[in-house]
Amino acid sequence: MIKILKRSEHGNINHGWLNTYHHFSFAGFYDPLKMGYGPLRVLNDDYIESGTGFDMHPHKDMEILTYVINGELTHKDSLNNERTVSRGQVQYMSAGSGIFHSEFNKGKEVLRL
């Protein structure tokens, strides 16, 4: 059964540069009743301030899908890929046996993904 969660029911952590809403338990938000949906483990609604982002960090054994709602996301990874994804575009990254990547908002507006 699909349950619709109101935004007020999402886990919210505001780091200043990143304001994130977690649909499922992730990072600093834990709710044993929200551990994912089938193989889907993380579903976040992120707002990233201009000029900020995630420094290079690792992932392994996962598929990462990013949909840009507003703004621009600049991705760089350890396979020498670099790309900017804009509003309405989707980025897919397979972490496979391991990858490092960074994600930054180099635009002038708040990035929502």
PDB file of N, CA and C in Angstrom:
ATOM      1  N   MET A   1       0.841  -1.181   0.000  1.00  0.00           N
ATOM      2  CA  MET A   1       0.000   0.000   0.000  1.00  0.00           C
ATOM      3  C   MET A   1       0.885   1.243   0.000  1.00  0.00           C
ATOM      4  N   ILE A   2       0.502   2.210  -0.795  1.00  0.00           N
ATOM      5  CA  ILE A   2       1.227   3.473  -0.863  1.00  0.00           C
ATOM      6  C   ILE A   2       0.621   4.439   0.143  1.00  0.00           C
ATOM      7  N   LYS A   3       1.483   5.057   0.933  1.00  0.00           N
ATOM      8  CA  LYS A   3       1.039   6.046   1.914  1.00  0.00           C
ATOM      9  C   LYS A   3       1.612   7.399   1.521  1.00  0.00           C
ATOM     10  N   ILE A   4       0.761   8.380   1.426  1.00  0.00           N
ATOM     11  CA  ILE A   4       1.204   9.731   1.101  1.00  0.00           C
ATOM     12  C   ILE A   4       1.622  10.423   2.394  1.00  0.00           C
ATOM     13  N   LEU A   5       2.858  10.912   2.410  1.00  0.00           N
ATOM     14  CA  LEU A   5       3.381  11.617   3.587  1.00  0.00           C
ATOM     15  C   LEU A   5       3.334  13.116   3.346  1.00  0.00           C
ATOM     16  N   LYS A   6       2.806  13.836   4.300  1.00  0.00           N
ATOM     17  CA  LYS A   6       2.827  15.292   4.230  1.00  0.00           C
ATOM     18  C   LYS A   6       4.242  15.770   4.515  1.00  0.00           C
ATOM     19  N   ARG A   7       4.592  16.925   4.000  1.00  0.00           N
ATOM     20  CA  ARG A   7       5.936  17.467   4.201  1.00  0.00           C
ATOM     21  C   ARG A   7       6.269  17.546   5.689  1.00  0.00           C
ATOM     22  N   SER A   8       5.276  17.843   6.520  1.00  0.00           N
ATOM     23  CA  SER A   8       5.509  17.945   7.965  1.00  0.00           C
ATOM     24  C   SER A   8       5.885  16.600   8.585  1.00  0.00           C
ATOM     25  N   GLU A   9       5.669  15.497   7.871  1.00  0.00           N
ATOM     26  CA  GLU A   9       6.016  14.164   8.369  1.00  0.00           C
ATOM     27  C   GLU A   9       7.403  13.716   7.932  1.00  0.00           C
ATOM     28  N   HIS A  10       8.052  14.494   7.059  1.00  0.00           N
ATOM     29  CA  HIS A  10       9.394  14.160   6.593  1.00  0.00           C
ATOM     30  C   HIS A  10      10.415  14.563   7.655  1.00  0.00           C
ATOM     31  N   GLY A  11      11.528  13.858   7.688  1.00  0.00           N
ATOM     32  CA  GLY A  11      12.624  14.277   8.557  1.00  0.00           C
ATOM     33  C   GLY A  11      13.290  15.485   7.942  1.00  0.00           C
ATOM     34  N   ASN A  12      13.484  16.544   8.697  1.00  0.00           N
ATOM     35  CA  ASN A  12      14.098  17.761   8.168  1.00  0.00           C
ATOM     36  C   ASN A  12      15.347  18.094   8.963  1.00  0.00           C
ATOM     37  N   ILE A  13      16.442  18.317   8.221  1.00  0.00           N
ATOM     38  CA  ILE A  13      17.695  18.761   8.833  1.00  0.00           C
ATOM     39  C   ILE A  13      18.178  19.958   8.025  1.00  0.00           C
ATOM     40  N   ASN A  14      18.366  21.079   8.706  1.00  0.00           N
ATOM     41  CA  ASN A  14      18.822  22.289   8.040  1.00  0.00           C
ATOM     42  C   ASN A  14      20.252  22.579   8.495  1.00  0.00           C
ATOM     43  N   HIS A  15      21.198  22.456   7.556  1.00  0.00           N
ATOM     44  CA  HIS A  15      22.614  22.693   7.843  1.00  0.00           C
ATOM     45  C   HIS A  15      23.035  24.127   7.496  1.00  0.00           C
ATOM     46  N   GLY A  16      22.072  24.955   7.103  1.00  0.00           N
ATOM     47  CA  GLY A  16      22.395  26.311   6.664  1.00  0.00           C
ATOM     48  C   GLY A  16      22.598  26.338   5.156  1.00  0.00           C
ATOM     49  N   TRP A  17      23.647  25.699   4.682  1.00  0.00           N
ATOM     50  CA  TRP A  17      23.916  25.633   3.251  1.00  0.00           C
ATOM     51  C   TRP A  17      23.038  24.577   2.565  1.00  0.00           C
ATOM     52  N   LEU A  18      22.582  23.585   3.338  1.00  0.00           N
ATOM     53  CA  LEU A  18      21.747  22.492   2.836  1.00  0.00           C
ATOM     54  C   LEU A  18      20.537  22.339   3.753  1.00  0.00           C
ATOM     55  N   ASN A  19      19.361  22.442   3.163  1.00  0.00           N
ATOM     56  CA  ASN A  19      18.127  22.188   3.893  1.00  0.00           C
ATOM     57  C   ASN A  19      17.518  20.946   3.253  1.00  0.00           C
ATOM     58  N   THR A  20      17.495  19.843   3.979  1.00  0.00           N
ATOM     59  CA  THR A  20      17.091  18.570   3.394  1.00  0.00           C
ATOM     60  C   THR A  20      15.890  17.964   4.111  1.00  0.00           C
ATOM     61  N   TYR A  21      15.003  17.394   3.317  1.00  0.00           N
ATOM     62  CA  TYR A  21      13.814  16.712   3.829  1.00  0.00           C
ATOM     63  C   TYR A  21      13.940  15.243   3.441  1.00  0.00           C
ATOM     64  N   HIS A  22      13.972  14.360   4.437  1.00  0.00           N
ATOM     65  CA  HIS A  22      14.139  12.929   4.213  1.00  0.00           C
ATOM     66  C   HIS A  22      12.780  12.229   4.253  1.00  0.00           C
ATOM     67  N   HIS A  23      12.454  11.508   3.188  1.00  0.00           N
ATOM     68  CA  HIS A  23      11.231  10.710   3.167  1.00  0.00           C
ATOM     69  C   HIS A  23      11.417   9.433   3.979  1.00  0.00           C
ATOM     70  N   PHE A  24      12.660   8.920   3.986  1.00  0.00           N
ATOM     71  CA  PHE A  24      12.995   7.694   4.707  1.00  0.00           C
ATOM     72  C   PHE A  24      14.134   7.984   5.687  1.00  0.00           C
ATOM     73  N   SER A  25      14.343   7.081   6.626  1.00  0.00           N
ATOM     74  CA  SER A  25      15.458   7.208   7.570  1.00  0.00           C
ATOM     75  C   SER A  25      16.766   7.316   6.794  1.00  0.00           C
ATOM     76  N   PHE A  26      17.543   8.353   7.114  1.00  0.00           N
ATOM     77  CA  PHE A  26      18.800   8.593   6.406  1.00  0.00           C
ATOM     78  C   PHE A  26      19.598   9.628   7.175  1.00  0.00           C
ATOM     79  N   ALA A  27      20.915   9.425   7.219  1.00  0.00           N
ATOM     80  CA  ALA A  27      21.841  10.363   7.878  1.00  0.00           C
ATOM     81  C   ALA A  27      21.364  10.637   9.306  1.00  0.00           C
ATOM     82  N   GLY A  28      21.090  11.888   9.646  1.00  0.00           N
ATOM     83  CA  GLY A  28      20.711  12.248  11.006  1.00  0.00           C
ATOM     84  C   GLY A  28      19.235  12.060  11.331  1.00  0.00           C
ATOM     85  N   PHE A  29      18.445  11.559  10.396  1.00  0.00           N
ATOM     86  CA  PHE A  29      17.018  11.323  10.642  1.00  0.00           C
ATOM     87  C   PHE A  29      16.758   9.822  10.717  1.00  0.00           C
ATOM     88  N   TYR A  30      16.137   9.381  11.818  1.00  0.00           N
ATOM     89  CA  TYR A  30      15.815   7.963  11.970  1.00  0.00           C
ATOM     90  C   TYR A  30      14.383   7.782  12.439  1.00  0.00           C
ATOM     91  N   ASP A  31      13.645   6.989  11.694  1.00  0.00           N
ATOM     92  CA  ASP A  31      12.295   6.593  12.065  1.00  0.00           C
ATOM     93  C   ASP A  31      12.173   5.131  11.643  1.00  0.00           C
ATOM     94  N   PRO A  32      12.048   4.201  12.594  1.00  0.00           N
ATOM     95  CA  PRO A  32      12.003   2.773  12.245  1.00  0.00           C
ATOM     96  C   PRO A  32      10.839   2.403  11.334  1.00  0.00           C
ATOM     97  N   LEU A  33       9.835   3.274  11.223  1.00  0.00           N
ATOM     98  CA  LEU A  33       8.701   3.003  10.336  1.00  0.00           C
ATOM     99  C   LEU A  33       8.933   3.541   8.925  1.00  0.00           C
ATOM    100  N   LYS A  34      10.059   4.225   8.732  1.00  0.00           N
ATOM    101  CA  LYS A  34      10.376   4.814   7.426  1.00  0.00           C
ATOM    102  C   LYS A  34      11.774   4.380   6.991  1.00  0.00           C
ATOM    103  N   MET A  35      11.925   3.084   6.702  1.00  0.00           N
ATOM    104  CA  MET A  35      13.241   2.533   6.362  1.00  0.00           C
ATOM    105  C   MET A  35      13.457   2.363   4.861  1.00  0.00           C
ATOM    106  N   GLY A  36      12.524   2.817   4.049  1.00  0.00           N
ATOM    107  CA  GLY A  36      12.658   2.706   2.610  1.00  0.00           C
ATOM    108  C   GLY A  36      11.413   2.087   2.014  1.00  0.00           C
ATOM    109  N   TYR A  37      11.460   1.880   0.712  1.00  0.00           N
ATOM    110  CA  TYR A  37      10.339   1.290  -0.015  1.00  0.00           C
ATOM    111  C   TYR A  37      10.924   0.281  -0.992  1.00  0.00           C
ATOM    112  N   GLY A  38      10.824  -1.010  -0.673  1.00  0.00           N
ATOM    113  CA  GLY A  38      11.475  -2.029  -1.497  1.00  0.00           C
ATOM    114  C   GLY A  38      12.968  -1.754  -1.556  1.00  0.00           C
ATOM    115  N   PRO A  39      13.551  -1.744  -2.763  1.00  0.00           N
ATOM    116  CA  PRO A  39      14.990  -1.471  -2.876  1.00  0.00           C
ATOM    117  C   PRO A  39      15.340   0.016  -2.772  1.00  0.00           C
ATOM    118  N   LEU A  40      14.326   0.889  -2.772  1.00  0.00           N
ATOM    119  CA  LEU A  40      14.570   2.326  -2.654  1.00  0.00           C
ATOM    120  C   LEU A  40      14.894   2.664  -1.202  1.00  0.00           C
ATOM    121  N   ARG A  41      16.095   3.148  -0.959  1.00  0.00           N
ATOM    122  CA  ARG A  41      16.571   3.393   0.407  1.00  0.00           C
ATOM    123  C   ARG A  41      16.577   4.867   0.796  1.00  0.00           C
ATOM    124  N   VAL A  42      16.851   5.742  -0.181  1.00  0.00           N
ATOM    125  CA  VAL A  42      16.964   7.168   0.111  1.00  0.00           C
ATOM    126  C   VAL A  42      16.119   7.948  -0.893  1.00  0.00           C
ATOM    127  N   LEU A  43      15.302   8.851  -0.381  1.00  0.00           N
ATOM    128  CA  LEU A  43      14.536   9.773  -1.213  1.00  0.00           C
ATOM    129  C   LEU A  43      14.507  11.096  -0.465  1.00  0.00           C
ATOM    130  N   ASN A  44      15.300  12.042  -0.949  1.00  0.00           N
ATOM    131  CA  ASN A  44      15.431  13.329  -0.276  1.00  0.00           C
ATOM    132  C   ASN A  44      14.923  14.450  -1.163  1.00  0.00           C
ATOM    133  N   ASP A  45      14.486  15.511  -0.553  1.00  0.00           N
ATOM    134  CA  ASP A  45      14.153  16.759  -1.222  1.00  0.00           C
ATOM    135  C   ASP A  45      15.154  17.760  -0.664  1.00  0.00           C
ATOM    136  N   ASP A  46      16.171  18.107  -1.471  1.00  0.00           N
ATOM    137  CA  ASP A  46      17.284  18.933  -1.004  1.00  0.00           C
ATOM    138  C   ASP A  46      17.244  20.332  -1.599  1.00  0.00           C
ATOM    139  N   TYR A  47      17.557  21.308  -0.766  1.00  0.00           N
ATOM    140  CA  TYR A  47      17.724  22.701  -1.179  1.00  0.00           C
ATOM    141  C   TYR A  47      19.159  23.079  -0.840  1.00  0.00           C
ATOM    142  N   ILE A  48      19.948  23.420  -1.876  1.00  0.00           N
ATOM    143  CA  ILE A  48      21.364  23.715  -1.697  1.00  0.00           C
ATOM    144  C   ILE A  48      21.619  25.176  -2.074  1.00  0.00           C
ATOM    145  N   GLU A  49      22.175  25.914  -1.133  1.00  0.00           N
ATOM    146  CA  GLU A  49      22.431  27.338  -1.360  1.00  0.00           C
ATOM    147  C   GLU A  49      23.488  27.545  -2.448  1.00  0.00           C
ATOM    148  N   SER A  50      23.415  28.681  -3.115  1.00  0.00           N
ATOM    149  CA  SER A  50      24.363  29.055  -4.160  1.00  0.00           C
ATOM    150  C   SER A  50      25.791  29.065  -3.609  1.00  0.00           C
ATOM    151  N   GLY A  51      26.729  28.537  -4.402  1.00  0.00           N
ATOM    152  CA  GLY A  51      28.137  28.537  -4.018  1.00  0.00           C
ATOM    153  C   GLY A  51      28.523  27.468  -3.023  1.00  0.00           C
ATOM    154  N   THR A  52      27.631  26.522  -2.746  1.00  0.00           N
ATOM    155  CA  THR A  52      27.912  25.460  -1.775  1.00  0.00           C
ATOM    156  C   THR A  52      27.611  24.097  -2.391  1.00  0.00           C
ATOM    157  N   GLY A  53      27.919  23.051  -1.636  1.00  0.00           N
ATOM    158  CA  GLY A  53      27.619  21.709  -2.119  1.00  0.00           C
ATOM    159  C   GLY A  53      28.351  20.647  -1.327  1.00  0.00           C
ATOM    160  N   PHE A  54      28.319  19.449  -1.881  1.00  0.00           N
ATOM    161  CA  PHE A  54      28.933  18.281  -1.251  1.00  0.00           C
ATOM    162  C   PHE A  54      30.337  18.081  -1.802  1.00  0.00           C
ATOM    163  N   ASP A  55      31.342  18.118  -0.930  1.00  0.00           N
ATOM    164  CA  ASP A  55      32.713  17.835  -1.352  1.00  0.00           C
ATOM    165  C   ASP A  55      32.825  16.380  -1.807  1.00  0.00           C
ATOM    166  N   MET A  56      33.946  16.036  -2.409  1.00  0.00           N
ATOM    167  CA  MET A  56      34.201  14.680  -2.889  1.00  0.00           C
ATOM    168  C   MET A  56      33.973  13.677  -1.757  1.00  0.00           C
ATOM    169  N   HIS A  57      33.151  12.664  -2.019  1.00  0.00           N
ATOM    170  CA  HIS A  57      32.835  11.632  -1.022  1.00  0.00           C
ATOM    171  C   HIS A  57      32.521  10.324  -1.757  1.00  0.00           C
ATOM    172  N   PRO A  58      32.653   9.181  -1.067  1.00  0.00           N
ATOM    173  CA  PRO A  58      32.482   7.886  -1.737  1.00  0.00           C
ATOM    174  C   PRO A  58      31.059   7.328  -1.654  1.00  0.00           C
ATOM    175  N   HIS A  59      30.757   6.473  -2.624  1.00  0.00           N
ATOM    176  CA  HIS A  59      29.555   5.629  -2.626  1.00  0.00           C
ATOM    177  C   HIS A  59      29.957   4.285  -3.204  1.00  0.00           C
ATOM    178  N   LYS A  60      29.207   3.253  -2.829  1.00  0.00           N
ATOM    179  CA  LYS A  60      29.482   1.905  -3.322  1.00  0.00           C
ATOM    180  C   LYS A  60      28.178   1.103  -3.338  1.00  0.00           C
ATOM    181  N   ASP A  61      28.045   0.225  -4.306  1.00  0.00           N
ATOM    182  CA  ASP A  61      26.906  -0.696  -4.381  1.00  0.00           C
ATOM    183  C   ASP A  61      25.557   0.005  -4.357  1.00  0.00           C
ATOM    184  N   MET A  62      25.412   1.059  -5.145  1.00  0.00           N
ATOM    185  CA  MET A  62      24.114   1.735  -5.228  1.00  0.00           C
ATOM    186  C   MET A  62      23.979   2.454  -6.563  1.00  0.00           C
ATOM    187  N   GLU A  63      22.743   2.713  -6.914  1.00  0.00           N
ATOM    188  CA  GLU A  63      22.416   3.497  -8.102  1.00  0.00           C
ATOM    189  C   GLU A  63      21.840   4.814  -7.591  1.00  0.00           C
ATOM    190  N   ILE A  64      22.300   5.933  -8.140  1.00  0.00           N
ATOM    191  CA  ILE A  64      21.880   7.244  -7.661  1.00  0.00           C
ATOM    192  C   ILE A  64      21.222   8.003  -8.815  1.00  0.00           C
ATOM    193  N   LEU A  65      19.994   8.417  -8.594  1.00  0.00           N
ATOM    194  CA  LEU A  65      19.222   9.155  -9.581  1.00  0.00           C
ATOM    195  C   LEU A  65      18.925  10.533  -8.997  1.00  0.00           C
ATOM    196  N   THR A  66      19.279  11.581  -9.726  1.00  0.00           N
ATOM    197  CA  THR A  66      19.069  12.945  -9.262  1.00  0.00           C
ATOM    198  C   THR A  66      18.229  13.690 -10.279  1.00  0.00           C
ATOM    199  N   TYR A  67      17.137  14.289  -9.810  1.00  0.00           N
ATOM    200  CA  TYR A  67      16.257  15.096 -10.662  1.00  0.00           C
ATOM    201  C   TYR A  67      16.346  16.539 -10.183  1.00  0.00           C
ATOM    202  N   VAL A  68      16.733  17.443 -11.078  1.00  0.00           N
ATOM    203  CA  VAL A  68      16.876  18.855 -10.728  1.00  0.00           C
ATOM    204  C   VAL A  68      15.533  19.558 -10.944  1.00  0.00           C
ATOM    205  N   ILE A  69      14.980  20.098  -9.864  1.00  0.00           N
ATOM    206  CA  ILE A  69      13.695  20.802  -9.922  1.00  0.00           C
ATOM    207  C   ILE A  69      13.911  22.273 -10.240  1.00  0.00           C
ATOM    208  N   ASN A  70      14.893  22.902  -9.602  1.00  0.00           N
ATOM    209  CA  ASN A  70      15.253  24.302  -9.853  1.00  0.00           C
ATOM    210  C   ASN A  70      16.755  24.465  -9.735  1.00  0.00           C
ATOM    211  N   GLY A  71      17.319  25.342 -10.562  1.00  0.00           N
ATOM    212  CA  GLY A  71      18.741  25.642 -10.488  1.00  0.00           C
ATOM    213  C   GLY A  71      19.589  24.713 -11.328  1.00  0.00           C
ATOM    214  N   GLU A  72      20.869  24.637 -10.969  1.00  0.00           N
ATOM    215  CA  GLU A  72      21.846  23.821 -11.696  1.00  0.00           C
ATOM    216  C   GLU A  72      22.731  23.062 -10.732  1.00  0.00           C
ATOM    217  N   LEU A  73      22.977  21.800 -11.043  1.00  0.00           N
ATOM    218  CA  LEU A  73      23.836  20.931 -10.236  1.00  0.00           C
ATOM    219  C   LEU A  73      25.081  20.598 -11.046  1.00  0.00           C
ATOM    220  N   THR A  74      26.263  20.875 -10.497  1.00  0.00           N
ATOM    221  CA  THR A  74      27.510  20.510 -11.167  1.00  0.00           C
ATOM    222  C   THR A  74      28.095  19.287 -10.479  1.00  0.00           C
ATOM    223  N   HIS A  75      28.236  18.207 -11.247  1.00  0.00           N
ATOM    224  CA  HIS A  75      28.728  16.908 -10.781  1.00  0.00           C
ATOM    225  C   HIS A  75      30.149  16.704 -11.287  1.00  0.00           C
ATOM    226  N   LYS A  76      30.995  16.155 -10.424  1.00  0.00           N
ATOM    227  CA  LYS A  76      32.355  15.768 -10.811  1.00  0.00           C
ATOM    228  C   LYS A  76      32.649  14.462 -10.095  1.00  0.00           C
ATOM    229  N   ASP A  77      33.327  13.506 -10.788  1.00  0.00           N
ATOM    230  CA  ASP A  77      33.599  12.227 -10.132  1.00  0.00           C
ATOM    231  C   ASP A  77      35.002  11.709 -10.421  1.00  0.00           C
ATOM    232  N   SER A  78      35.342  10.620  -9.759  1.00  0.00           N
ATOM    233  CA  SER A  78      36.681  10.030  -9.844  1.00  0.00           C
ATOM    234  C   SER A  78      36.946   9.335 -11.178  1.00  0.00           C
ATOM    235  N   LEU A  79      35.957   9.278 -12.058  1.00  0.00           N
ATOM    236  CA  LEU A  79      36.145   8.728 -13.410  1.00  0.00           C
ATOM    237  C   LEU A  79      36.372   9.835 -14.427  1.00  0.00           C
ATOM    238  N   ASN A  80      36.663  11.044 -13.922  1.00  0.00           N
ATOM    239  CA  ASN A  80      36.911  12.239 -14.731  1.00  0.00           C
ATOM    240  C   ASN A  80      35.682  12.732 -15.491  1.00  0.00           C
ATOM    241  N   ASN A  81      34.493  12.410 -14.995  1.00  0.00           N
ATOM    242  CA  ASN A  81      33.268  12.954 -15.572  1.00  0.00           C
ATOM    243  C   ASN A  81      32.954  14.268 -14.867  1.00  0.00           C
ATOM    244  N   GLU A  82      32.544  15.253 -15.635  1.00  0.00           N
ATOM    245  CA  GLU A  82      32.079  16.512 -15.068  1.00  0.00           C
ATOM    246  C   GLU A  82      30.946  17.011 -15.945  1.00  0.00           C
ATOM    247  N   ARG A  83      29.840  17.390 -15.303  1.00  0.00           N
ATOM    248  CA  ARG A  83      28.661  17.814 -16.050  1.00  0.00           C
ATOM    249  C   ARG A  83      27.793  18.699 -15.174  1.00  0.00           C
ATOM    250  N   THR A  84      27.117  19.635 -15.811  1.00  0.00           N
ATOM    251  CA  THR A  84      26.135  20.464 -15.116  1.00  0.00           C
ATOM    252  C   THR A  84      24.751  20.047 -15.588  1.00  0.00           C
ATOM    253  N   VAL A  85      23.892  19.745 -14.634  1.00  0.00           N
ATOM    254  CA  VAL A  85      22.536  19.296 -14.897  1.00  0.00           C
ATOM    255  C   VAL A  85      21.592  20.434 -14.510  1.00  0.00           C
ATOM    256  N   SER A  86      20.681  20.793 -15.404  1.00  0.00           N
ATOM    257  CA  SER A  86      19.781  21.930 -15.196  1.00  0.00           C
ATOM    258  C   SER A  86      18.357  21.491 -14.898  1.00  0.00           C
ATOM    259  N   ARG A  87      17.533  22.471 -14.578  1.00  0.00           N
ATOM    260  CA  ARG A  87      16.125  22.249 -14.250  1.00  0.00           C
ATOM    261  C   ARG A  87      15.460  21.316 -15.272  1.00  0.00           C
ATOM    262  N   GLY A  88      14.782  20.287 -14.739  1.00  0.00           N
ATOM    263  CA  GLY A  88      14.061  19.342 -15.583  1.00  0.00           C
ATOM    264  C   GLY A  88      14.913  18.192 -16.092  1.00  0.00           C
ATOM    265  N   GLN A  89      16.222  18.228 -15.841  1.00  0.00           N
ATOM    266  CA  GLN A  89      17.103  17.160 -16.295  1.00  0.00           C
ATOM    267  C   GLN A  89      17.352  16.149 -15.176  1.00  0.00           C
ATOM    268  N   VAL A  90      17.730  14.945 -15.596  1.00  0.00           N
ATOM    269  CA  VAL A  90      17.986  13.845 -14.665  1.00  0.00           C
ATOM    270  C   VAL A  90      19.429  13.391 -14.822  1.00  0.00           C
ATOM    271  N   GLN A  91      20.063  13.080 -13.707  1.00  0.00           N
ATOM    272  CA  GLN A  91      21.409  12.503 -13.717  1.00  0.00           C
ATOM    273  C   GLN A  91      21.342  11.117 -13.098  1.00  0.00           C
ATOM    274  N   TYR A  92      21.978  10.147 -13.752  1.00  0.00           N
ATOM    275  CA  TYR A  92      22.054   8.789 -13.235  1.00  0.00           C
ATOM    276  C   TYR A  92      23.516   8.440 -13.021  1.00  0.00           C
ATOM    277  N   MET A  93      23.838   7.896 -11.849  1.00  0.00           N
ATOM    278  CA  MET A  93      25.199   7.468 -11.560  1.00  0.00           C
ATOM    279  C   MET A  93      25.156   6.088 -10.913  1.00  0.00           C
ATOM    280  N   SER A  94      25.910   5.175 -11.472  1.00  0.00           N
ATOM    281  CA  SER A  94      26.047   3.845 -10.887  1.00  0.00           C
ATOM    282  C   SER A  94      27.319   3.824 -10.057  1.00  0.00           C
ATOM    283  N   ALA A  95      27.169   3.591  -8.748  1.00  0.00           N
ATOM    284  CA  ALA A  95      28.334   3.575  -7.863  1.00  0.00           C
ATOM    285  C   ALA A  95      29.069   2.248  -7.938  1.00  0.00           C
ATOM    286  N   GLY A  96      28.399   1.190  -8.397  1.00  0.00           N
ATOM    287  CA  GLY A  96      29.046  -0.105  -8.599  1.00  0.00           C
ATOM    288  C   GLY A  96      29.994  -0.502  -7.484  1.00  0.00           C
ATOM    289  N   SER A  97      31.229  -0.833  -7.847  1.00  0.00           N
ATOM    290  CA  SER A  97      32.216  -1.279  -6.860  1.00  0.00           C
ATOM    291  C   SER A  97      32.867  -0.119  -6.112  1.00  0.00           C
ATOM    292  N   GLY A  98      32.488   1.115  -6.467  1.00  0.00           N
ATOM    293  CA  GLY A  98      32.978   2.273  -5.736  1.00  0.00           C
ATOM    294  C   GLY A  98      33.288   3.456  -6.630  1.00  0.00           C
ATOM    295  N   ILE A  99      32.916   4.634  -6.173  1.00  0.00           N
ATOM    296  CA  ILE A  99      33.177   5.874  -6.901  1.00  0.00           C
ATOM    297  C   ILE A  99      33.210   7.029  -5.898  1.00  0.00           C
ATOM    298  N   PHE A 100      33.971   8.047  -6.213  1.00  0.00           N
ATOM    299  CA  PHE A 100      33.973   9.296  -5.446  1.00  0.00           C
ATOM    300  C   PHE A 100      33.329  10.354  -6.328  1.00  0.00           C
ATOM    301  N   HIS A 101      32.533  11.231  -5.713  1.00  0.00           N
ATOM    302  CA  HIS A 101      31.951  12.319  -6.501  1.00  0.00           C
ATOM    303  C   HIS A 101      31.663  13.527  -5.619  1.00  0.00           C
ATOM    304  N   SER A 102      31.520  14.670  -6.281  1.00  0.00           N
ATOM    305  CA  SER A 102      31.113  15.901  -5.601  1.00  0.00           C
ATOM    306  C   SER A 102      29.929  16.475  -6.361  1.00  0.00           C
ATOM    307  N   GLU A 103      29.113  17.248  -5.652  1.00  0.00           N
ATOM    308  CA  GLU A 103      27.935  17.886  -6.241  1.00  0.00           C
ATOM    309  C   GLU A 103      27.900  19.317  -5.711  1.00  0.00           C
ATOM    310  N   PHE A 104      27.873  20.290  -6.615  1.00  0.00           N
ATOM    311  CA  PHE A 104      27.888  21.687  -6.206  1.00  0.00           C
ATOM    312  C   PHE A 104      26.847  22.518  -6.930  1.00  0.00           C
ATOM    313  N   ASN A 105      26.382  23.534  -6.229  1.00  0.00           N
ATOM    314  CA  ASN A 105      25.518  24.540  -6.818  1.00  0.00           C
ATOM    315  C   ASN A 105      26.397  25.724  -7.172  1.00  0.00           C
ATOM    316  N   LYS A 106      26.808  25.807  -8.420  1.00  0.00           N
ATOM    317  CA  LYS A 106      27.643  26.920  -8.865  1.00  0.00           C
ATOM    318  C   LYS A 106      26.799  28.043  -9.455  1.00  0.00           C
ATOM    319  N   GLY A 107      25.472  27.855  -9.437  1.00  0.00           N
ATOM    320  CA  GLY A 107      24.552  28.859  -9.969  1.00  0.00           C
ATOM    321  C   GLY A 107      24.298  29.980  -8.980  1.00  0.00           C
ATOM    322  N   LYS A 108      23.399  30.893  -9.374  1.00  0.00           N
ATOM    323  CA  LYS A 108      23.095  32.072  -8.547  1.00  0.00           C
ATOM    324  C   LYS A 108      21.849  31.906  -7.699  1.00  0.00           C
ATOM    325  N   GLU A 109      21.069  30.854  -7.931  1.00  0.00           N
ATOM    326  CA  GLU A 109      19.847  30.639  -7.172  1.00  0.00           C
ATOM    327  C   GLU A 109      19.948  29.363  -6.344  1.00  0.00           C
ATOM    328  N   VAL A 110      19.026  29.203  -5.419  1.00  0.00           N
ATOM    329  CA  VAL A 110      18.983  27.982  -4.619  1.00  0.00           C
ATOM    330  C   VAL A 110      18.679  26.807  -5.550  1.00  0.00           C
ATOM    331  N   LEU A 111      19.444  25.754  -5.390  1.00  0.00           N
ATOM    332  CA  LEU A 111      19.271  24.523  -6.163  1.00  0.00           C
ATOM    333  C   LEU A 111      18.321  23.612  -5.407  1.00  0.00           C
ATOM    334  N   ARG A 112      17.317  23.084  -6.099  1.00  0.00           N
ATOM    335  CA  ARG A 112      16.418  22.102  -5.488  1.00  0.00           C
ATOM    336  C   ARG A 112      16.496  20.838  -6.298  1.00  0.00           C
ATOM    337  N   LEU A 113      16.789  19.737  -5.599  1.00  0.00           N
ATOM    338  CA  LEU A 113      16.833  18.439  -6.266  1.00  0.00           C
ATOM    339  C   LEU A 113      16.179  17.390  -5.414  1.00  0.00           C
TER     340      LEU A 113
END
